[in-house]
Amino acid sequence: NNIFCGNDIIYDINYPMLRSGEQRFLGNVYDKSALQNTMKINPTSDVPSPFEDSALQKRVAFDLGVKTEEVTVDGKKVEMDLNEWQKFWQVHSMHYDSDAQVMKNISATYLP
């Protein structure tokens, strides 16, 4: 139940394996204007990383059921849009973030 608005990167998390385990994402609201390749999966779920070079890109492509070259990479991190993100989590967990809502041009203010 998070509200993400105006962020360049919404999530940057470890690939769900080894010490990272499953992640949990439910009830989130995303700013539509910020939702292009903003979810990132990185290879640092364990030290040293179990992934070499493009192995994470290949693994995520396998998870998504697409060709390796169709998976966007930023350095060693795999970038995803919301649809790819939801499909990724269907493979790894209980359909996390499948209930995500997307709203256009949202903003939030915190008043303590």
PDB file of N, CA and C in Angstrom:
ATOM      1  N   ASN A   1       0.833  -1.195   0.000  1.00  0.00           N
ATOM      2  CA  ASN A   1       0.000   0.000   0.000  1.00  0.00           C
ATOM      3  C   ASN A   1       0.872   1.251   0.000  1.00  0.00           C
ATOM      4  N   ASN A   2       1.640   1.406  -1.058  1.00  0.00           N
ATOM      5  CA  ASN A   2       2.509   2.566  -1.211  1.00  0.00           C
ATOM      6  C   ASN A   2       2.011   3.421  -2.361  1.00  0.00           C
ATOM      7  N   ILE A   3       2.336   4.709  -2.312  1.00  0.00           N
ATOM      8  CA  ILE A   3       2.055   5.627  -3.409  1.00  0.00           C
ATOM      9  C   ILE A   3       3.395   6.080  -3.958  1.00  0.00           C
ATOM     10  N   PHE A   4       3.623   5.816  -5.245  1.00  0.00           N
ATOM     11  CA  PHE A   4       4.867   6.214  -5.902  1.00  0.00           C
ATOM     12  C   PHE A   4       4.536   7.258  -6.954  1.00  0.00           C
ATOM     13  N   CYS A   5       5.090   8.449  -6.800  1.00  0.00           N
ATOM     14  CA  CYS A   5       4.833   9.492  -7.784  1.00  0.00           C
ATOM     15  C   CYS A   5       6.095  10.324  -7.980  1.00  0.00           C
ATOM     16  N   GLY A   6       6.355  10.650  -9.231  1.00  0.00           N
ATOM     17  CA  GLY A   6       7.489  11.496  -9.564  1.00  0.00           C
ATOM     18  C   GLY A   6       8.849  10.861  -9.360  1.00  0.00           C
ATOM     19  N   ASN A   7       8.916   9.538  -9.299  1.00  0.00           N
ATOM     20  CA  ASN A   7      10.199   8.850  -9.111  1.00  0.00           C
ATOM     21  C   ASN A   7      10.783   8.414 -10.440  1.00  0.00           C
ATOM     22  N   ASP A   8      12.100   8.516 -10.585  1.00  0.00           N
ATOM     23  CA  ASP A   8      12.761   7.980 -11.770  1.00  0.00           C
ATOM     24  C   ASP A   8      12.825   6.458 -11.686  1.00  0.00           C
ATOM     25  N   ILE A   9      13.104   5.936 -10.496  1.00  0.00           N
ATOM     26  CA  ILE A   9      13.162   4.491 -10.266  1.00  0.00           C
ATOM     27  C   ILE A   9      12.199   4.189  -9.131  1.00  0.00           C
ATOM     28  N   ILE A  10      11.282   3.290  -9.378  1.00  0.00           N
ATOM     29  CA  ILE A  10      10.311   2.974  -8.343  1.00  0.00           C
ATOM     30  C   ILE A  10      10.827   1.872  -7.438  1.00  0.00           C
ATOM     31  N   TYR A  11      11.354   0.788  -7.998  1.00  0.00           N
ATOM     32  CA  TYR A  11      11.948  -0.285  -7.212  1.00  0.00           C
ATOM     33  C   TYR A  11      13.300  -0.641  -7.798  1.00  0.00           C
ATOM     34  N   ASP A  12      14.229  -0.985  -6.961  1.00  0.00           N
ATOM     35  CA  ASP A  12      15.522  -1.546  -7.371  1.00  0.00           C
ATOM     36  C   ASP A  12      15.814  -2.627  -6.345  1.00  0.00           C
ATOM     37  N   ILE A  13      15.478  -3.868  -6.684  1.00  0.00           N
ATOM     38  CA  ILE A  13      15.576  -4.949  -5.713  1.00  0.00           C
ATOM     39  C   ILE A  13      16.442  -6.089  -6.231  1.00  0.00           C
ATOM     40  N   ASN A  14      16.847  -6.941  -5.324  1.00  0.00           N
ATOM     41  CA  ASN A  14      17.628  -8.117  -5.667  1.00  0.00           C
ATOM     42  C   ASN A  14      16.765  -9.155  -6.363  1.00  0.00           C
ATOM     43  N   TYR A  15      17.392  -9.922  -7.237  1.00  0.00           N
ATOM     44  CA  TYR A  15      16.694 -11.048  -7.850  1.00  0.00           C
ATOM     45  C   TYR A  15      16.231 -11.968  -6.721  1.00  0.00           C
ATOM     46  N   PRO A  16      14.998 -12.458  -6.766  1.00  0.00           N
ATOM     47  CA  PRO A  16      14.451 -13.226  -5.637  1.00  0.00           C
ATOM     48  C   PRO A  16      15.020 -14.640  -5.512  1.00  0.00           C
ATOM     49  N   MET A  17      16.185 -14.740  -4.926  1.00  0.00           N
ATOM     50  CA  MET A  17      16.805 -16.042  -4.696  1.00  0.00           C
ATOM     51  C   MET A  17      17.802 -15.932  -3.558  1.00  0.00           C
ATOM     52  N   LEU A  18      18.335 -17.031  -3.154  1.00  0.00           N
ATOM     53  CA  LEU A  18      19.352 -17.083  -2.119  1.00  0.00           C
ATOM     54  C   LEU A  18      18.941 -16.270  -0.903  1.00  0.00           C
ATOM     55  N   ARG A  19      19.739 -15.319  -0.484  1.00  0.00           N
ATOM     56  CA  ARG A  19      19.437 -14.572   0.732  1.00  0.00           C
ATOM     57  C   ARG A  19      18.304 -13.564   0.567  1.00  0.00           C
ATOM     58  N   SER A  20      17.999 -13.176  -0.652  1.00  0.00           N
ATOM     59  CA  SER A  20      16.940 -12.191  -0.859  1.00  0.00           C
ATOM     60  C   SER A  20      15.574 -12.767  -0.566  1.00  0.00           C
ATOM     61  N   GLY A  21      15.349 -14.000  -0.983  1.00  0.00           N
ATOM     62  CA  GLY A  21      14.043 -14.602  -0.791  1.00  0.00           C
ATOM     63  C   GLY A  21      12.979 -13.882  -1.592  1.00  0.00           C
ATOM     64  N   GLU A  22      11.749 -14.240  -1.346  1.00  0.00           N
ATOM     65  CA  GLU A  22      10.640 -13.605  -2.040  1.00  0.00           C
ATOM     66  C   GLU A  22      10.433 -12.186  -1.527  1.00  0.00           C
ATOM     67  N   GLN A  23       9.991 -11.334  -2.414  1.00  0.00           N
ATOM     68  CA  GLN A  23       9.634  -9.963  -2.066  1.00  0.00           C
ATOM     69  C   GLN A  23       8.110  -9.896  -2.016  1.00  0.00           C
ATOM     70  N   ARG A  24       7.568  -8.857  -1.437  1.00  0.00           N
ATOM     71  CA  ARG A  24       6.111  -8.750  -1.324  1.00  0.00           C
ATOM     72  C   ARG A  24       5.677  -7.342  -1.738  1.00  0.00           C
ATOM     73  N   PHE A  25       4.833  -7.278  -2.756  1.00  0.00           N
ATOM     74  CA  PHE A  25       4.338  -6.005  -3.272  1.00  0.00           C
ATOM     75  C   PHE A  25       2.833  -6.114  -3.464  1.00  0.00           C
ATOM     76  N   LEU A  26       2.077  -5.357  -2.703  1.00  0.00           N
ATOM     77  CA  LEU A  26       0.619  -5.407  -2.772  1.00  0.00           C
ATOM     78  C   LEU A  26       0.037  -4.010  -2.585  1.00  0.00           C
ATOM     79  N   GLY A  27      -1.025  -3.709  -3.308  1.00  0.00           N
ATOM     80  CA  GLY A  27      -1.787  -2.487  -3.091  1.00  0.00           C
ATOM     81  C   GLY A  27      -1.076  -1.199  -3.422  1.00  0.00           C
ATOM     82  N   ASN A  28      -0.137  -1.222  -4.348  1.00  0.00           N
ATOM     83  CA  ASN A  28       0.607  -0.012  -4.682  1.00  0.00           C
ATOM     84  C   ASN A  28      -0.122   0.824  -5.728  1.00  0.00           C
ATOM     85  N   VAL A  29       0.097   2.135  -5.671  1.00  0.00           N
ATOM     86  CA  VAL A  29      -0.426   3.071  -6.664  1.00  0.00           C
ATOM     87  C   VAL A  29       0.769   3.757  -7.302  1.00  0.00           C
ATOM     88  N   TYR A  30       0.811   3.751  -8.633  1.00  0.00           N
ATOM     89  CA  TYR A  30       1.935   4.319  -9.376  1.00  0.00           C
ATOM     90  C   TYR A  30       1.482   5.496 -10.225  1.00  0.00           C
ATOM     91  N   ASP A  31       2.365   6.455 -10.356  1.00  0.00           N
ATOM     92  CA  ASP A  31       2.156   7.604 -11.229  1.00  0.00           C
ATOM     93  C   ASP A  31       2.423   7.165 -12.658  1.00  0.00           C
ATOM     94  N   LYS A  32       1.415   7.210 -13.504  1.00  0.00           N
ATOM     95  CA  LYS A  32       1.549   6.737 -14.891  1.00  0.00           C
ATOM     96  C   LYS A  32       2.665   7.468 -15.635  1.00  0.00           C
ATOM     97  N   SER A  33       2.854   8.744 -15.350  1.00  0.00           N
ATOM     98  CA  SER A  33       3.869   9.514 -16.072  1.00  0.00           C
ATOM     99  C   SER A  33       5.284   9.063 -15.731  1.00  0.00           C
ATOM    100  N   ALA A  34       5.449   8.285 -14.658  1.00  0.00           N
ATOM    101  CA  ALA A  34       6.788   7.845 -14.244  1.00  0.00           C
ATOM    102  C   ALA A  34       7.007   6.356 -14.497  1.00  0.00           C
ATOM    103  N   LEU A  35       6.142   5.706 -15.278  1.00  0.00           N
ATOM    104  CA  LEU A  35       6.172   4.255 -15.369  1.00  0.00           C
ATOM    105  C   LEU A  35       6.774   3.679 -16.646  1.00  0.00           C
ATOM    106  N   GLN A  36       7.913   4.099 -17.061  1.00  0.00           N
ATOM    107  CA  GLN A  36       8.554   3.477 -18.211  1.00  0.00           C
ATOM    108  C   GLN A  36       9.913   2.946 -17.770  1.00  0.00           C
ATOM    109  N   ASN A  37      10.034   1.603 -17.736  1.00  0.00           N
ATOM    110  CA  ASN A  37      11.270   0.942 -17.310  1.00  0.00           C
ATOM    111  C   ASN A  37      11.751   1.472 -15.961  1.00  0.00           C
ATOM    112  N   THR A  38      10.857   1.512 -15.006  1.00  0.00           N
ATOM    113  CA  THR A  38      11.223   2.061 -13.710  1.00  0.00           C
ATOM    114  C   THR A  38      11.410   1.011 -12.627  1.00  0.00           C
ATOM    115  N   MET A  39      11.081  -0.234 -12.914  1.00  0.00           N
ATOM    116  CA  MET A  39      11.320  -1.292 -11.954  1.00  0.00           C
ATOM    117  C   MET A  39      12.628  -1.974 -12.346  1.00  0.00           C
ATOM    118  N   LYS A  40      13.493  -2.195 -11.372  1.00  0.00           N
ATOM    119  CA  LYS A  40      14.789  -2.793 -11.683  1.00  0.00           C
ATOM    120  C   LYS A  40      15.054  -3.994 -10.795  1.00  0.00           C
ATOM    121  N   ILE A  41      15.624  -5.025 -11.402  1.00  0.00           N
ATOM    122  CA  ILE A  41      16.081  -6.207 -10.685  1.00  0.00           C
ATOM    123  C   ILE A  41      17.604  -6.212 -10.796  1.00  0.00           C
ATOM    124  N   ASN A  42      18.296  -6.346  -9.666  1.00  0.00           N
ATOM    125  CA  ASN A  42      19.754  -6.351  -9.706  1.00  0.00           C
ATOM    126  C   ASN A  42      20.287  -7.726  -9.296  1.00  0.00           C
ATOM    127  N   PRO A  43      21.545  -8.002  -9.605  1.00  0.00           N
ATOM    128  CA  PRO A  43      22.113  -9.335  -9.368  1.00  0.00           C
ATOM    129  C   PRO A  43      22.745  -9.527  -7.997  1.00  0.00           C
ATOM    130  N   THR A  44      22.540  -8.634  -7.067  1.00  0.00           N
ATOM    131  CA  THR A  44      23.284  -8.691  -5.806  1.00  0.00           C
ATOM    132  C   THR A  44      22.539  -9.394  -4.683  1.00  0.00           C
ATOM    133  N   SER A  45      21.867 -10.496  -5.004  1.00  0.00           N
ATOM    134  CA  SER A  45      21.138 -11.220  -3.975  1.00  0.00           C
ATOM    135  C   SER A  45      22.068 -12.002  -3.062  1.00  0.00           C
ATOM    136  N   ASP A  46      23.288 -12.150  -3.443  1.00  0.00           N
ATOM    137  CA  ASP A  46      24.265 -12.846  -2.625  1.00  0.00           C
ATOM    138  C   ASP A  46      25.640 -12.273  -2.952  1.00  0.00           C
ATOM    139  N   VAL A  47      26.571 -12.397  -2.063  1.00  0.00           N
ATOM    140  CA  VAL A  47      27.929 -11.904  -2.291  1.00  0.00           C
ATOM    141  C   VAL A  47      28.873 -13.082  -2.221  1.00  0.00           C
ATOM    142  N   PRO A  48      29.665 -13.377  -3.239  1.00  0.00           N
ATOM    143  CA  PRO A  48      29.630 -12.685  -4.530  1.00  0.00           C
ATOM    144  C   PRO A  48      28.361 -13.031  -5.294  1.00  0.00           C
ATOM    145  N   SER A  49      28.037 -12.191  -6.251  1.00  0.00           N
ATOM    146  CA  SER A  49      26.823 -12.384  -7.033  1.00  0.00           C
ATOM    147  C   SER A  49      26.870 -13.716  -7.779  1.00  0.00           C
ATOM    148  N   PRO A  50      25.758 -14.448  -7.787  1.00  0.00           N
ATOM    149  CA  PRO A  50      25.715 -15.713  -8.529  1.00  0.00           C
ATOM    150  C   PRO A  50      25.626 -15.500 -10.029  1.00  0.00           C
ATOM    151  N   PHE A  51      25.453 -14.254 -10.457  1.00  0.00           N
ATOM    152  CA  PHE A  51      25.299 -13.964 -11.878  1.00  0.00           C
ATOM    153  C   PHE A  51      26.590 -13.420 -12.465  1.00  0.00           C
ATOM    154  N   GLU A  52      26.929 -13.887 -13.623  1.00  0.00           N
ATOM    155  CA  GLU A  52      28.099 -13.407 -14.351  1.00  0.00           C
ATOM    156  C   GLU A  52      27.640 -12.678 -15.604  1.00  0.00           C
ATOM    157  N   ASP A  53      28.222 -11.545 -15.883  1.00  0.00           N
ATOM    158  CA  ASP A  53      27.945 -10.777 -17.091  1.00  0.00           C
ATOM    159  C   ASP A  53      26.451 -10.681 -17.385  1.00  0.00           C
ATOM    160  N   SER A  54      25.988 -11.294 -18.483  1.00  0.00           N
ATOM    161  CA  SER A  54      24.588 -11.141 -18.894  1.00  0.00           C
ATOM    162  C   SER A  54      23.683 -12.249 -18.365  1.00  0.00           C
ATOM    163  N   ALA A  55      24.149 -12.998 -17.371  1.00  0.00           N
ATOM    164  CA  ALA A  55      23.354 -14.115 -16.859  1.00  0.00           C
ATOM    165  C   ALA A  55      22.026 -13.653 -16.259  1.00  0.00           C
ATOM    166  N   LEU A  56      22.007 -12.511 -15.585  1.00  0.00           N
ATOM    167  CA  LEU A  56      20.755 -12.012 -15.021  1.00  0.00           C
ATOM    168  C   LEU A  56      19.780 -11.662 -16.135  1.00  0.00           C
ATOM    169  N   GLN A  57      20.266 -11.013 -17.176  1.00  0.00           N
ATOM    170  CA  GLN A  57      19.419 -10.672 -18.317  1.00  0.00           C
ATOM    171  C   GLN A  57      18.812 -11.947 -18.920  1.00  0.00           C
ATOM    172  N   LYS A  58      19.614 -12.986 -19.066  1.00  0.00           N
ATOM    173  CA  LYS A  58      19.122 -14.249 -19.612  1.00  0.00           C
ATOM    174  C   LYS A  58      18.101 -14.887 -18.688  1.00  0.00           C
ATOM    175  N   ARG A  59      18.357 -14.836 -17.382  1.00  0.00           N
ATOM    176  CA  ARG A  59      17.443 -15.444 -16.415  1.00  0.00           C
ATOM    177  C   ARG A  59      16.093 -14.720 -16.407  1.00  0.00           C
ATOM    178  N   VAL A  60      16.112 -13.390 -16.415  1.00  0.00           N
ATOM    179  CA  VAL A  60      14.872 -12.623 -16.418  1.00  0.00           C
ATOM    180  C   VAL A  60      14.117 -12.834 -17.730  1.00  0.00           C
ATOM    181  N   ALA A  61      14.839 -12.902 -18.844  1.00  0.00           N
ATOM    182  CA  ALA A  61      14.195 -13.188 -20.134  1.00  0.00           C
ATOM    183  C   ALA A  61      13.486 -14.531 -20.080  1.00  0.00           C
ATOM    184  N   PHE A  62      14.138 -15.523 -19.486  1.00  0.00           N
ATOM    185  CA  PHE A  62      13.522 -16.842 -19.318  1.00  0.00           C
ATOM    186  C   PHE A  62      12.262 -16.733 -18.458  1.00  0.00           C
ATOM    187  N   ASP A  63      12.357 -15.998 -17.355  1.00  0.00           N
ATOM    188  CA  ASP A  63      11.209 -15.814 -16.459  1.00  0.00           C
ATOM    189  C   ASP A  63      10.031 -15.169 -17.187  1.00  0.00           C
ATOM    190  N   LEU A  64      10.329 -14.193 -18.059  1.00  0.00           N
ATOM    191  CA  LEU A  64       9.283 -13.463 -18.773  1.00  0.00           C
ATOM    192  C   LEU A  64       8.811 -14.190 -20.032  1.00  0.00           C
ATOM    193  N   GLY A  65       9.572 -15.218 -20.453  1.00  0.00           N
ATOM    194  CA  GLY A  65       9.218 -15.937 -21.666  1.00  0.00           C
ATOM    195  C   GLY A  65       9.494 -15.148 -22.929  1.00  0.00           C
ATOM    196  N   VAL A  66      10.573 -14.342 -22.909  1.00  0.00           N
ATOM    197  CA  VAL A  66      10.945 -13.533 -24.074  1.00  0.00           C
ATOM    198  C   VAL A  66      12.398 -13.809 -24.456  1.00  0.00           C
ATOM    199  N   LYS A  67      12.822 -13.292 -25.603  1.00  0.00           N
ATOM    200  CA  LYS A  67      14.206 -13.421 -26.030  1.00  0.00           C
ATOM    201  C   LYS A  67      15.089 -12.517 -25.177  1.00  0.00           C
ATOM    202  N   THR A  68      16.316 -12.954 -24.955  1.00  0.00           N
ATOM    203  CA  THR A  68      17.246 -12.202 -24.106  1.00  0.00           C
ATOM    204  C   THR A  68      17.397 -10.759 -24.571  1.00  0.00           C
ATOM    205  N   GLU A  69      17.486 -10.542 -25.874  1.00  0.00           N
ATOM    206  CA  GLU A  69      17.691  -9.184 -26.382  1.00  0.00           C
ATOM    207  C   GLU A  69      16.475  -8.281 -26.174  1.00  0.00           C
ATOM    208  N   GLU A  70      15.333  -8.845 -25.798  1.00  0.00           N
ATOM    209  CA  GLU A  70      14.139  -8.048 -25.524  1.00  0.00           C
ATOM    210  C   GLU A  70      14.135  -7.481 -24.108  1.00  0.00           C
ATOM    211  N   VAL A  71      15.078  -7.906 -23.275  1.00  0.00           N
ATOM    212  CA  VAL A  71      15.145  -7.457 -21.885  1.00  0.00           C
ATOM    213  C   VAL A  71      16.117  -6.279 -21.793  1.00  0.00           C
ATOM    214  N   THR A  72      15.640  -5.162 -21.273  1.00  0.00           N
ATOM    215  CA  THR A  72      16.438  -3.944 -21.159  1.00  0.00           C
ATOM    216  C   THR A  72      17.369  -4.035 -19.961  1.00  0.00           C
ATOM    217  N   VAL A  73      18.631  -3.680 -20.171  1.00  0.00           N
ATOM    218  CA  VAL A  73      19.620  -3.732 -19.105  1.00  0.00           C
ATOM    219  C   VAL A  73      20.257  -2.361 -18.934  1.00  0.00           C
ATOM    220  N   ASP A  74      20.402  -1.946 -17.672  1.00  0.00           N
ATOM    221  CA  ASP A  74      21.099  -0.717 -17.321  1.00  0.00           C
ATOM    222  C   ASP A  74      22.263  -1.130 -16.438  1.00  0.00           C
ATOM    223  N   GLY A  75      23.449  -1.188 -17.012  1.00  0.00           N
ATOM    224  CA  GLY A  75      24.592  -1.726 -16.277  1.00  0.00           C
ATOM    225  C   GLY A  75      24.354  -3.210 -16.046  1.00  0.00           C
ATOM    226  N   LYS A  76      24.331  -3.634 -14.792  1.00  0.00           N
ATOM    227  CA  LYS A  76      24.037  -5.025 -14.480  1.00  0.00           C
ATOM    228  C   LYS A  76      22.601  -5.206 -13.999  1.00  0.00           C
ATOM    229  N   LYS A  77      21.800  -4.148 -14.062  1.00  0.00           N
ATOM    230  CA  LYS A  77      20.418  -4.218 -13.595  1.00  0.00           C
ATOM    231  C   LYS A  77      19.467  -4.380 -14.771  1.00  0.00           C
ATOM    232  N   VAL A  78      18.447  -5.206 -14.584  1.00  0.00           N
ATOM    233  CA  VAL A  78      17.427  -5.399 -15.603  1.00  0.00           C
ATOM    234  C   VAL A  78      16.290  -4.429 -15.326  1.00  0.00           C
ATOM    235  N   GLU A  79      15.883  -3.683 -16.353  1.00  0.00           N
ATOM    236  CA  GLU A  79      14.804  -2.710 -16.215  1.00  0.00           C
ATOM    237  C   GLU A  79      13.503  -3.299 -16.742  1.00  0.00           C
ATOM    238  N   MET A  80      12.386  -2.962 -16.090  1.00  0.00           N
ATOM    239  CA  MET A  80      11.082  -3.456 -16.508  1.00  0.00           C
ATOM    240  C   MET A  80      10.047  -2.343 -16.418  1.00  0.00           C
ATOM    241  N   ASP A  81       9.035  -2.438 -17.291  1.00  0.00           N
ATOM    242  CA  ASP A  81       7.868  -1.581 -17.112  1.00  0.00           C
ATOM    243  C   ASP A  81       6.887  -2.332 -16.216  1.00  0.00           C
ATOM    244  N   LEU A  82       5.765  -1.742 -15.905  1.00  0.00           N
ATOM    245  CA  LEU A  82       4.838  -2.351 -14.956  1.00  0.00           C
ATOM    246  C   LEU A  82       4.308  -3.700 -15.441  1.00  0.00           C
ATOM    247  N   ASN A  83       3.981  -3.819 -16.725  1.00  0.00           N
ATOM    248  CA  ASN A  83       3.463  -5.096 -17.238  1.00  0.00           C
ATOM    249  C   ASN A  83       4.499  -6.210 -17.102  1.00  0.00           C
ATOM    250  N   GLU A  84       5.751  -5.919 -17.441  1.00  0.00           N
ATOM    251  CA  GLU A  84       6.820  -6.912 -17.298  1.00  0.00           C
ATOM    252  C   GLU A  84       7.022  -7.258 -15.821  1.00  0.00           C
ATOM    253  N   TRP A  85       6.993  -6.235 -14.975  1.00  0.00           N
ATOM    254  CA  TRP A  85       7.150  -6.407 -13.526  1.00  0.00           C
ATOM    255  C   TRP A  85       6.101  -7.369 -12.979  1.00  0.00           C
ATOM    256  N   GLN A  86       4.844  -7.177 -13.359  1.00  0.00           N
ATOM    257  CA  GLN A  86       3.771  -8.038 -12.882  1.00  0.00           C
ATOM    258  C   GLN A  86       3.955  -9.473 -13.393  1.00  0.00           C
ATOM    259  N   LYS A  87       4.354  -9.611 -14.640  1.00  0.00           N
ATOM    260  CA  LYS A  87       4.588 -10.950 -15.200  1.00  0.00           C
ATOM    261  C   LYS A  87       5.754 -11.635 -14.490  1.00  0.00           C
ATOM    262  N   PHE A  88       6.811 -10.876 -14.203  1.00  0.00           N
ATOM    263  CA  PHE A  88       7.970 -11.401 -13.485  1.00  0.00           C
ATOM    264  C   PHE A  88       7.552 -11.983 -12.140  1.00  0.00           C
ATOM    265  N   TRP A  89       6.725 -11.257 -11.392  1.00  0.00           N
ATOM    266  CA  TRP A  89       6.324 -11.713 -10.065  1.00  0.00           C
ATOM    267  C   TRP A  89       5.347 -12.881 -10.113  1.00  0.00           C
ATOM    268  N   GLN A  90       4.644 -13.056 -11.221  1.00  0.00           N
ATOM    269  CA  GLN A  90       3.781 -14.237 -11.355  1.00  0.00           C
ATOM    270  C   GLN A  90       4.617 -15.512 -11.340  1.00  0.00           C
ATOM    271  N   VAL A  91       5.836 -15.426 -11.864  1.00  0.00           N
ATOM    272  CA  VAL A  91       6.737 -16.580 -11.880  1.00  0.00           C
ATOM    273  C   VAL A  91       7.308 -16.840 -10.483  1.00  0.00           C
ATOM    274  N   HIS A  92       7.542 -15.782  -9.718  1.00  0.00           N
ATOM    275  CA  HIS A  92       8.288 -15.899  -8.468  1.00  0.00           C
ATOM    276  C   HIS A  92       7.479 -15.883  -7.186  1.00  0.00           C
ATOM    277  N   SER A  93       6.231 -15.562  -7.251  1.00  0.00           N
ATOM    278  CA  SER A  93       5.507 -15.441  -5.990  1.00  0.00           C
ATOM    279  C   SER A  93       4.007 -15.566  -6.202  1.00  0.00           C
ATOM    280  N   MET A  94       3.277 -14.987  -5.318  1.00  0.00           N
ATOM    281  CA  MET A  94       1.827 -15.082  -5.331  1.00  0.00           C
ATOM    282  C   MET A  94       1.191 -13.925  -6.103  1.00  0.00           C
ATOM    283  N   HIS A  95       1.674 -13.666  -7.297  1.00  0.00           N
ATOM    284  CA  HIS A  95       1.120 -12.612  -8.161  1.00  0.00           C
ATOM    285  C   HIS A  95       1.204 -11.235  -7.499  1.00  0.00           C
ATOM    286  N   TYR A  96       2.312 -10.968  -6.859  1.00  0.00           N
ATOM    287  CA  TYR A  96       2.498  -9.691  -6.196  1.00  0.00           C
ATOM    288  C   TYR A  96       2.410  -8.550  -7.184  1.00  0.00           C
ATOM    289  N   ASP A  97       1.860  -7.465  -6.737  1.00  0.00           N
ATOM    290  CA  ASP A  97       1.647  -6.231  -7.488  1.00  0.00           C
ATOM    291  C   ASP A  97       0.651  -6.411  -8.631  1.00  0.00           C
ATOM    292  N   SER A  98      -0.053  -7.545  -8.660  1.00  0.00           N
ATOM    293  CA  SER A  98      -1.075  -7.745  -9.686  1.00  0.00           C
ATOM    294  C   SER A  98      -2.260  -6.811  -9.458  1.00  0.00           C
ATOM    295  N   ASP A  99      -2.400  -6.282  -8.247  1.00  0.00           N
ATOM    296  CA  ASP A  99      -3.488  -5.365  -7.932  1.00  0.00           C
ATOM    297  C   ASP A  99      -3.052  -3.901  -8.019  1.00  0.00           C
ATOM    298  N   ALA A 100      -1.881  -3.658  -8.601  1.00  0.00           N
ATOM    299  CA  ALA A 100      -1.367  -2.292  -8.694  1.00  0.00           C
ATOM    300  C   ALA A 100      -2.340  -1.399  -9.462  1.00  0.00           C
ATOM    301  N   GLN A 101      -2.424  -0.167  -9.024  1.00  0.00           N
ATOM    302  CA  GLN A 101      -3.239   0.820  -9.715  1.00  0.00           C
ATOM    303  C   GLN A 101      -2.320   1.875 -10.296  1.00  0.00           C
ATOM    304  N   VAL A 102      -2.685   2.350 -11.475  1.00  0.00           N
ATOM    305  CA  VAL A 102      -1.895   3.376 -12.142  1.00  0.00           C
ATOM    306  C   VAL A 102      -2.787   4.600 -12.338  1.00  0.00           C
ATOM    307  N   MET A 103      -2.303   5.746 -11.895  1.00  0.00           N
ATOM    308  CA  MET A 103      -3.042   6.999 -12.035  1.00  0.00           C
ATOM    309  C   MET A 103      -2.141   8.019 -12.699  1.00  0.00           C
ATOM    310  N   LYS A 104      -2.731   8.902 -13.447  1.00  0.00           N
ATOM    311  CA  LYS A 104      -1.950   9.886 -14.190  1.00  0.00           C
ATOM    312  C   LYS A 104      -1.761  11.160 -13.367  1.00  0.00           C
ATOM    313  N   ASN A 105      -0.522  11.654 -13.375  1.00  0.00           N
ATOM    314  CA  ASN A 105      -0.158  12.939 -12.757  1.00  0.00           C
ATOM    315  C   ASN A 105      -0.589  13.061 -11.299  1.00  0.00           C
ATOM    316  N   ILE A 106      -0.277  12.045 -10.510  1.00  0.00           N
ATOM    317  CA  ILE A 106      -0.601  12.123  -9.090  1.00  0.00           C
ATOM    318  C   ILE A 106       0.520  12.813  -8.335  1.00  0.00           C
ATOM    319  N   SER A 107       0.204  13.332  -7.200  1.00  0.00           N
ATOM    320  CA  SER A 107       1.209  13.918  -6.317  1.00  0.00           C
ATOM    321  C   SER A 107       0.793  13.607  -4.887  1.00  0.00           C
ATOM    322  N   ALA A 108       1.735  13.671  -4.012  1.00  0.00           N
ATOM    323  CA  ALA A 108       1.459  13.376  -2.606  1.00  0.00           C
ATOM    324  C   ALA A 108       2.217  14.369  -1.741  1.00  0.00           C
ATOM    325  N   THR A 109       1.624  14.706  -0.609  1.00  0.00           N
ATOM    326  CA  THR A 109       2.245  15.604   0.345  1.00  0.00           C
ATOM    327  C   THR A 109       2.103  14.983   1.727  1.00  0.00           C
ATOM    328  N   TYR A 110       3.149  15.070   2.502  1.00  0.00           N
ATOM    329  CA  TYR A 110       3.124  14.563   3.864  1.00  0.00           C
ATOM    330  C   TYR A 110       3.112  15.738   4.824  1.00  0.00           C
ATOM    331  N   LEU A 111       2.105  15.809   5.646  1.00  0.00           N
ATOM    332  CA  LEU A 111       2.021  16.844   6.666  1.00  0.00           C
ATOM    333  C   LEU A 111       2.035  16.173   8.025  1.00  0.00           C
ATOM    334  N   PRO A 112       3.178  16.227   8.741  1.00  0.00           N
ATOM    335  CA  PRO A 112       3.255  15.543  10.052  1.00  0.00           C
ATOM    336  C   PRO A 112       2.333  16.180  11.075  1.00  0.00           C
TER     337      PRO A 112
END
